[in-house]
Protein backbone atom coordinates (compact mmCIF):
# COMPACT_ATOMS: atom_id res chain seq x y z
CA MET A 1 -0.03 0.21 -0.17
CA SER A 2 1.02 3.41 -0.89
CA ILE A 3 0.96 6.07 2.10
CA VAL A 4 1.44 9.93 0.83
CA GLN A 5 1.49 12.96 2.95
CA ARG A 6 -0.27 15.42 0.53
CA ALA A 7 -3.24 14.76 -1.71
CA SER A 8 -0.63 16.07 -4.77
CA GLU A 9 1.30 13.45 -4.63
CA LEU A 10 -1.56 11.12 -5.37
CA ILE A 11 -1.86 13.03 -9.12
CA GLY A 12 -0.93 10.87 -11.96
CA ASP A 13 -1.02 7.28 -13.03
CA THR A 14 -4.22 7.20 -13.54
CA PRO A 15 -6.23 4.14 -15.31
CA LEU A 16 -7.47 3.07 -19.04
CA LEU A 17 -11.26 1.69 -19.95
CA GLU A 18 -11.76 0.02 -23.24
CA LEU A 19 -14.57 1.57 -24.35
CA ALA A 20 -15.26 0.15 -27.89
CA ARG A 21 -13.43 -1.82 -30.49
CA THR A 22 -13.91 -2.68 -34.11
CA GLY A 23 -14.09 -5.94 -36.18
CA THR A 24 -10.79 -4.28 -37.81
CA GLY A 25 -8.96 -4.12 -34.34
CA THR A 26 -8.99 -0.56 -33.47
CA ARG A 27 -9.50 0.13 -29.97
CA LEU A 28 -10.82 3.35 -28.58
CA LEU A 29 -9.35 3.50 -24.87
CA LEU A 30 -10.65 6.37 -22.28
CA LYS A 31 -7.63 7.65 -20.32
CA LEU A 32 -9.56 8.49 -16.72
CA ASP A 33 -7.81 11.26 -15.92
CA HIS A 34 -10.84 12.64 -14.03
CA LEU A 35 -9.46 10.24 -11.18
CA ASN A 36 -6.88 12.58 -10.16
CA PRO A 37 -7.74 14.66 -7.03
CA THR A 38 -10.03 17.44 -7.55
CA GLY A 39 -11.64 15.17 -10.22
CA SER A 40 -10.07 16.71 -13.11
CA CYS A 41 -6.89 16.20 -15.37
CA LYS A 42 -6.37 20.19 -14.65
CA VAL A 43 -4.77 19.58 -11.38
CA ARG A 44 -1.58 18.36 -13.11
CA MET A 45 -0.77 21.41 -14.68
CA ALA A 46 -1.92 23.79 -11.91
CA ARG A 47 0.66 21.92 -10.10
CA GLN A 48 3.49 22.76 -12.33
CA MET A 49 2.34 26.21 -12.88
CA ILE A 50 2.80 26.77 -9.24
CA ASP A 51 6.31 24.95 -9.64
CA GLU A 52 7.43 26.55 -11.63
CA ALA A 53 6.50 30.18 -10.68
CA GLU A 54 8.24 29.12 -6.91
CA ARG A 55 11.42 28.18 -8.78
CA GLU A 56 11.47 31.69 -10.68
CA GLY A 57 10.57 33.61 -7.93
CA ARG A 58 7.01 35.24 -9.02
CA LEU A 59 5.79 33.36 -5.98
CA LEU A 60 7.16 33.83 -2.63
CA PRO A 61 6.04 32.12 0.63
CA GLY A 62 2.67 33.54 2.24
CA GLY A 63 1.76 34.85 -1.08
CA ARG A 64 -1.61 34.78 -3.35
CA ILE A 65 -2.75 33.78 -6.46
CA VAL A 66 -5.43 34.52 -8.67
CA GLU A 67 -7.16 33.28 -11.81
CA PRO A 68 -10.15 33.17 -13.78
CA THR A 69 -11.40 29.68 -13.87
CA SER A 70 -14.55 27.37 -14.89
CA GLY A 71 -13.86 25.54 -11.85
CA ASN A 72 -11.08 22.38 -12.63
CA THR A 73 -7.85 24.85 -12.78
CA GLY A 74 -9.12 26.72 -10.24
CA CYS A 75 -9.80 23.43 -7.83
CA GLY A 76 -6.08 22.73 -8.60
CA LEU A 77 -4.94 25.87 -7.81
CA ALA A 78 -6.86 25.79 -4.65
CA LEU A 79 -5.48 22.34 -3.82
CA VAL A 80 -1.66 23.18 -4.23
CA ALA A 81 -2.20 26.49 -2.77
CA LEU A 82 -3.61 25.02 0.30
CA GLU A 83 -0.81 22.51 1.11
CA ARG A 84 1.84 25.26 0.29
CA GLY A 85 0.24 27.95 2.55
CA TYR A 86 -1.32 30.43 -0.29
CA ARG A 87 -4.06 32.45 -0.19
CA PHE A 88 -6.09 31.68 -3.52
CA THR A 89 -8.91 33.60 -5.53
CA ALA A 90 -10.74 32.45 -8.46
CA VAL A 91 -12.43 34.62 -10.97
CA VAL A 92 -15.51 32.65 -11.76
CA ASP A 93 -18.99 33.19 -13.22
CA ARG A 94 -22.30 31.69 -13.13
CA HIS A 95 -21.79 29.31 -16.06
CA ALA A 96 -19.57 27.27 -14.06
CA ALA A 97 -21.04 24.00 -12.95
CA ARG A 98 -22.51 24.48 -8.85
CA GLU A 99 -20.30 21.96 -7.79
CA LYS A 100 -17.41 23.24 -9.02
CA LEU A 101 -17.88 26.60 -7.28
CA ARG A 102 -18.98 24.47 -4.06
CA MET A 103 -15.66 22.46 -4.18
CA LEU A 104 -13.73 25.89 -4.50
CA THR A 105 -15.22 26.92 -1.57
CA ALA A 106 -14.58 23.57 0.17
CA LEU A 107 -10.80 24.23 -0.67
CA GLY A 108 -10.89 27.63 0.75
CA ALA A 109 -10.64 29.58 -2.53
CA GLU A 110 -12.22 33.17 -2.18
CA LEU A 111 -14.80 33.43 -5.15
CA VAL A 112 -15.07 36.59 -6.87
CA PHE A 113 -17.97 36.54 -9.40
CA VAL A 114 -18.34 38.39 -12.54
CA GLU A 115 -21.67 39.21 -14.33
CA THR A 116 -22.81 36.87 -17.41
CA PRO A 117 -22.62 38.02 -20.75
CA PRO A 118 -26.12 39.07 -22.20
CA GLY A 119 -28.22 35.84 -23.72
CA GLY A 120 -26.13 33.71 -20.95
CA GLY A 121 -23.02 31.81 -21.91
CA VAL A 122 -18.89 32.00 -20.34
CA ALA A 123 -17.95 35.51 -19.04
CA SER A 124 -14.34 34.32 -20.02
CA VAL A 125 -13.41 37.75 -21.29
CA GLN A 126 -14.85 39.45 -18.25
CA ARG A 127 -13.11 37.01 -15.81
CA ARG A 128 -9.69 37.51 -17.57
CA ALA A 129 -10.13 41.26 -17.04
CA VAL A 130 -11.18 41.30 -13.30
CA ALA A 131 -8.47 38.92 -12.26
CA ALA A 132 -5.92 41.10 -14.27
CA ARG A 133 -7.43 43.86 -12.30
CA ILE A 134 -6.92 42.26 -9.22
CA ALA A 135 -3.25 41.09 -9.77
CA GLU A 136 -2.32 44.20 -10.63
CA GLU A 137 -3.71 46.10 -7.43
CA THR A 138 -2.83 43.34 -5.08
CA GLY A 139 0.65 41.97 -6.45
CA ALA A 140 -0.91 38.54 -6.40
CA PHE A 141 0.43 35.76 -8.46
CA HIS A 142 -1.57 35.20 -11.83
CA PRO A 143 -0.66 32.10 -13.99
CA ASP A 144 -2.67 32.99 -16.92
CA GLN A 145 -3.24 29.47 -17.69
CA HIS A 146 -4.03 30.18 -21.41
CA ASN A 147 -0.53 31.85 -21.65
CA ASN A 148 1.61 30.01 -19.01
CA ALA A 149 3.90 27.70 -20.27
CA GLY A 150 3.91 25.73 -16.99
CA ASN A 151 0.16 24.71 -18.00
CA ALA A 152 1.24 22.78 -21.22
CA ASN A 153 4.56 21.26 -19.26
CA GLY A 154 2.45 20.00 -16.69
CA TYR A 155 1.11 16.83 -19.03
CA THR A 156 4.64 15.53 -19.59
CA GLY A 157 3.72 12.80 -17.16
CA LEU A 158 0.80 12.07 -18.87
CA ALA A 159 3.04 11.61 -21.87
CA PHE A 160 5.04 9.57 -20.19
CA GLU A 161 2.14 7.49 -18.69
CA LEU A 162 0.19 6.55 -21.92
CA ALA A 163 3.94 5.37 -23.58
CA ARG A 164 4.45 3.32 -20.17
CA GLN A 165 0.89 1.72 -20.01
CA LEU A 166 -0.03 1.39 -23.92
CA GLY A 167 3.41 1.13 -26.03
CA THR A 168 1.80 3.49 -29.10
CA VAL A 169 -0.71 5.63 -29.33
CA ASP A 170 -1.90 6.24 -32.48
CA ALA A 171 -4.36 9.16 -32.20
CA LEU A 172 -4.99 11.30 -28.96
CA ILE A 173 -8.71 13.01 -28.83
CA ALA A 174 -9.03 15.76 -26.41
CA ALA A 175 -11.44 18.79 -25.35
CA VAL A 176 -9.43 21.89 -26.13
CA GLY A 177 -9.95 24.96 -23.88
CA THR A 178 -6.24 26.62 -22.88
CA GLY A 179 -5.10 23.96 -25.22
CA GLY A 180 -1.96 22.40 -22.51
CA SER A 181 -3.52 19.18 -22.04
CA LEU A 182 -3.68 18.19 -25.66
CA CYS A 183 -0.71 20.31 -27.13
CA GLY A 184 1.83 19.74 -24.34
CA THR A 185 0.79 15.80 -24.07
CA ILE A 186 1.63 15.73 -27.80
CA ARG A 187 4.55 17.68 -27.96
CA ALA A 188 6.20 15.15 -25.40
CA MET A 189 5.17 12.22 -27.02
CA ARG A 190 6.90 13.25 -30.24
CA SER A 191 9.56 14.70 -28.73
CA ALA A 192 9.74 10.91 -27.10
CA GLY A 193 9.68 9.89 -30.83
CA HIS A 194 6.03 8.54 -31.19
CA ALA A 195 3.89 10.03 -34.11
CA THR A 196 0.62 10.32 -32.25
CA ARG A 197 -2.23 12.30 -34.22
CA ALA A 198 -3.46 14.77 -32.33
CA VAL A 199 -7.57 15.68 -32.52
CA ALA A 200 -8.59 18.53 -31.14
CA VAL A 201 -12.44 19.05 -30.40
CA GLU A 202 -14.48 22.25 -29.37
CA PRO A 203 -18.31 23.64 -28.99
CA GLU A 204 -19.85 24.82 -31.54
CA GLY A 205 -19.97 28.16 -30.99
CA SER A 206 -16.57 28.40 -30.06
CA ILE A 207 -14.03 30.37 -31.96
CA ILE A 208 -10.82 28.81 -31.33
CA PHE A 209 -10.34 27.36 -34.74
CA GLY A 210 -11.96 29.64 -36.49
CA GLY A 211 -16.00 28.89 -36.63
CA PRO A 212 -18.74 31.25 -36.26
CA PRO A 213 -19.18 32.49 -32.50
CA GLY A 214 -22.20 31.62 -30.41
CA LEU A 215 -23.74 30.28 -27.10
CA TYR A 216 -22.69 26.70 -26.21
CA HIS A 217 -23.04 25.12 -22.59
CA GLN A 218 -19.82 23.09 -22.36
CA THR A 219 -18.20 24.48 -19.51
CA GLY A 220 -14.29 24.50 -19.40
CA ALA A 221 -13.82 23.99 -23.69
CA GLY A 222 -13.36 26.38 -26.25
CA SER A 223 -13.07 30.40 -26.69
CA PRO A 224 -16.40 32.86 -26.85
CA ALA A 225 -16.37 35.71 -29.38
CA GLY A 226 -13.85 38.29 -28.01
CA PHE A 227 -11.87 36.01 -26.11
CA PRO A 228 -8.08 36.17 -27.28
CA VAL A 229 -6.68 32.47 -27.83
CA GLY A 230 -3.88 31.74 -25.56
CA SER A 231 -0.28 30.57 -26.65
CA ASN A 232 -0.93 27.17 -25.15
CA ILE A 233 -3.27 26.55 -28.38
CA ASP A 234 -0.26 24.96 -30.67
CA ARG A 235 -1.80 24.69 -34.17
CA SER A 236 1.54 23.01 -35.27
CA VAL A 237 1.04 20.16 -33.46
CA ILE A 238 -2.90 19.60 -34.18
CA ASP A 239 -3.38 17.47 -37.12
CA ALA A 240 -7.60 17.57 -37.16
CA ALA A 241 -10.29 20.05 -35.41
CA HIS A 242 -13.71 19.16 -34.92
CA ARG A 243 -17.13 21.12 -33.48
CA VAL A 244 -19.39 19.55 -31.43
CA SER A 245 -22.82 20.55 -30.80
CA ASP A 246 -24.43 20.71 -26.82
CA ALA A 247 -26.82 18.10 -27.74
CA ASP A 248 -24.30 15.88 -29.28
CA ALA A 249 -21.77 15.99 -26.55
CA PHE A 250 -23.98 15.85 -23.46
CA ALA A 251 -25.46 12.75 -25.51
CA GLY A 252 -21.79 11.18 -25.65
CA ALA A 253 -21.62 11.76 -21.68
CA ARG A 254 -24.41 10.08 -21.00
CA VAL A 255 -25.06 7.37 -23.48
CA VAL A 256 -21.52 6.67 -21.92
CA ALA A 257 -22.71 6.34 -18.07
CA ARG A 258 -25.35 4.51 -19.10
CA ARG A 259 -22.91 1.72 -20.61
CA THR A 260 -20.12 1.58 -18.68
CA GLY A 261 -21.27 3.19 -15.25
CA VAL A 262 -18.61 5.99 -15.74
CA LEU A 263 -19.49 9.37 -15.57
CA VAL A 264 -17.41 12.02 -17.60
CA GLY A 265 -17.86 15.70 -18.14
CA GLY A 266 -19.66 17.38 -21.03
CA THR A 267 -16.85 18.44 -22.79
CA THR A 268 -15.32 14.91 -22.57
CA GLY A 269 -18.45 13.76 -24.14
CA GLY A 270 -18.23 15.92 -27.13
CA ALA A 271 -14.23 14.25 -27.35
CA ILE A 272 -15.96 10.61 -27.30
CA HIS A 273 -18.64 12.00 -29.60
CA VAL A 274 -15.87 12.69 -32.03
CA ALA A 275 -13.84 9.39 -31.76
CA LEU A 276 -17.40 7.04 -32.26
CA ARG A 277 -18.02 8.99 -35.07
CA ARG A 278 -14.73 8.33 -36.72
CA LEU A 279 -13.57 5.48 -35.29
CA PHE A 280 -14.14 3.30 -38.17
CA THR A 281 -11.68 5.63 -39.98
CA PHE A 282 -8.71 5.05 -38.10
CA PRO A 283 -6.61 1.87 -39.83
CA ALA A 284 -6.54 -1.45 -38.81
CA GLU A 285 -5.39 -2.32 -35.48
CA SER A 286 -5.37 1.50 -34.44
CA THR A 287 -5.00 2.32 -30.80
CA VAL A 288 -7.25 6.00 -30.26
CA VAL A 289 -7.19 7.32 -26.60
CA VAL A 290 -9.66 10.27 -25.70
CA LEU A 291 -8.66 12.00 -22.35
CA CYS A 292 -11.27 12.24 -20.04
CA ASN A 293 -10.44 15.60 -18.56
CA ASP A 294 -13.18 15.89 -15.55
CA ALA A 295 -15.55 14.08 -13.60
CA GLY A 296 -19.22 13.98 -14.63
CA GLU A 297 -20.17 14.19 -11.06
CA LYS A 298 -19.70 17.82 -11.06
CA TYR A 299 -22.75 18.08 -13.71
CA LEU A 300 -25.34 15.70 -12.30
CA ASP A 301 -27.81 19.01 -11.98
CA SER A 302 -26.93 20.00 -15.80
CA VAL A 303 -25.50 17.36 -18.18
CA TYR A 304 -27.29 14.79 -16.38
CA ASP A 305 -30.53 16.49 -15.78
CA ASP A 306 -33.01 16.23 -18.19
CA ASP A 307 -35.05 19.40 -17.39
CA TRP A 308 -32.02 21.53 -17.06
CA LEU A 309 -31.40 20.06 -20.63
CA ARG A 310 -34.49 20.74 -22.06
CA GLU A 311 -34.87 24.25 -20.52
CA ARG A 312 -31.64 25.17 -22.94
CA GLY A 313 -32.81 23.40 -25.91
CA VAL A 314 -30.45 20.76 -26.06
CA PHE A 315 -31.86 17.53 -25.26
CA ASP A 316 -31.95 15.71 -27.82
CA GLU A 317 -33.16 12.09 -27.75
CA LEU A 318 -32.03 11.36 -31.60
CA ALA A 319 -28.66 12.37 -30.63
CA HIS A 320 -28.69 9.64 -27.87
CA ARG A 321 -30.14 6.70 -29.99
CA ARG A 322 -27.48 7.89 -32.66
CA VAL A 323 -24.56 7.42 -29.73
CA HIS A 324 -26.20 3.80 -28.96
CA ARG A 325 -26.24 2.85 -32.63
CA TRP A 326 -22.38 3.51 -33.12
CA PHE A 327 -21.71 1.05 -30.36
CA ALA A 328 -24.13 -1.43 -31.31
CA ALA A 329 -22.34 -1.05 -35.24
CA TYR A 330 -19.18 -1.46 -33.58
CA ASP A 331 -19.92 -4.52 -31.29
CA GLU A 332 -21.58 -6.33 -34.43
CA SER A 333 -18.42 -5.53 -36.28
CA VAL A 334 -16.86 -7.37 -33.86
CA ARG A 335 -19.05 -10.47 -33.84
CA ALA A 336 -18.63 -10.72 -37.99
CA ALA A 337 -15.21 -10.32 -37.65
CA ALA A 338 -15.23 -13.28 -35.11
CA ARG A 339 -17.65 -15.51 -37.50
CA ASP A 340 -15.61 -14.87 -40.36
CA GLY A 341 -12.35 -16.01 -38.37
CA SER A 342 -14.26 -19.20 -37.52
CA ALA A 343 -15.24 -19.44 -41.06
CA ARG A 344 -11.59 -19.41 -42.39
CA LEU A 345 -10.36 -22.06 -39.69
CA VAL A 346 -13.17 -24.01 -40.71
CA GLU A 347 -11.87 -23.91 -44.29
CA VAL A 348 -8.24 -24.54 -43.26
CA GLY A 349 -9.03 -27.54 -41.28
CA ALA A 350 -11.43 -29.13 -43.90
């Protein structure tokens, strides 16, 4: 049994779950990184940003940290801050999942709320401005996760884990917000000699890859209109980018919950949706990994609540049935391949 003295020492070494397989031998695996402390992969980069700030003298003992967040990065920063004796202020909005805000408070964070934009949606621009003002007025350390190299550096360990667990990863699919998790992991894997394809997923309405702006309800991914895309979005390492509607993303998460008992966040549902839709396009015997970046238990009153979805016009029964059909098609392809293999064995035996 491993006994640690700090919760942050439990970061990493998260397991893999096979979600689907095709008759051609291609596997779709979930990297269950939501099983990290605080229920998110973001704790990896939160710790790294603080480590680098301490080494560089930008964060001194007893100091204060301030960061705009939709919740997951904030919870990671709050955990490391309480372990090391820092004050942490999270600049948030009401678009964030309620359970994330409760977790921040439980971890001792001070919450500063900004107004939600007219018509709803994320208040990323406002959060960023308020955090910068607080940092300037108080001298607090402002990590600026969208442009902090420590964000991407925090996923080097994730790349090593995947290589150790699987040997080869042909494609890594992940929802993109700051870009650190996907781009940081891919850069580290390629530096180690892997030729892993990077597939980025953003909500419809996000402007990261140039689509038309609009309202979306997937928290923690994408960038709204007017928000400057940060330097951690490294387009040079991204091989493909896809946009996913709220209805499809949430259907992906909900169907996976019903099939496996594993609850993942809505943005992970979007990445799963893309992976399932395209799994047959990968070469035979491919290993495709979806990064599960946060836990679905934070969204029981939103993504997993029928009434909440209907109120926002994103409950789509057809989308749910479509995901179920993809799973059924892949299951049948495996059975068909097994039947074909048995028939060939009979012919050889004859």
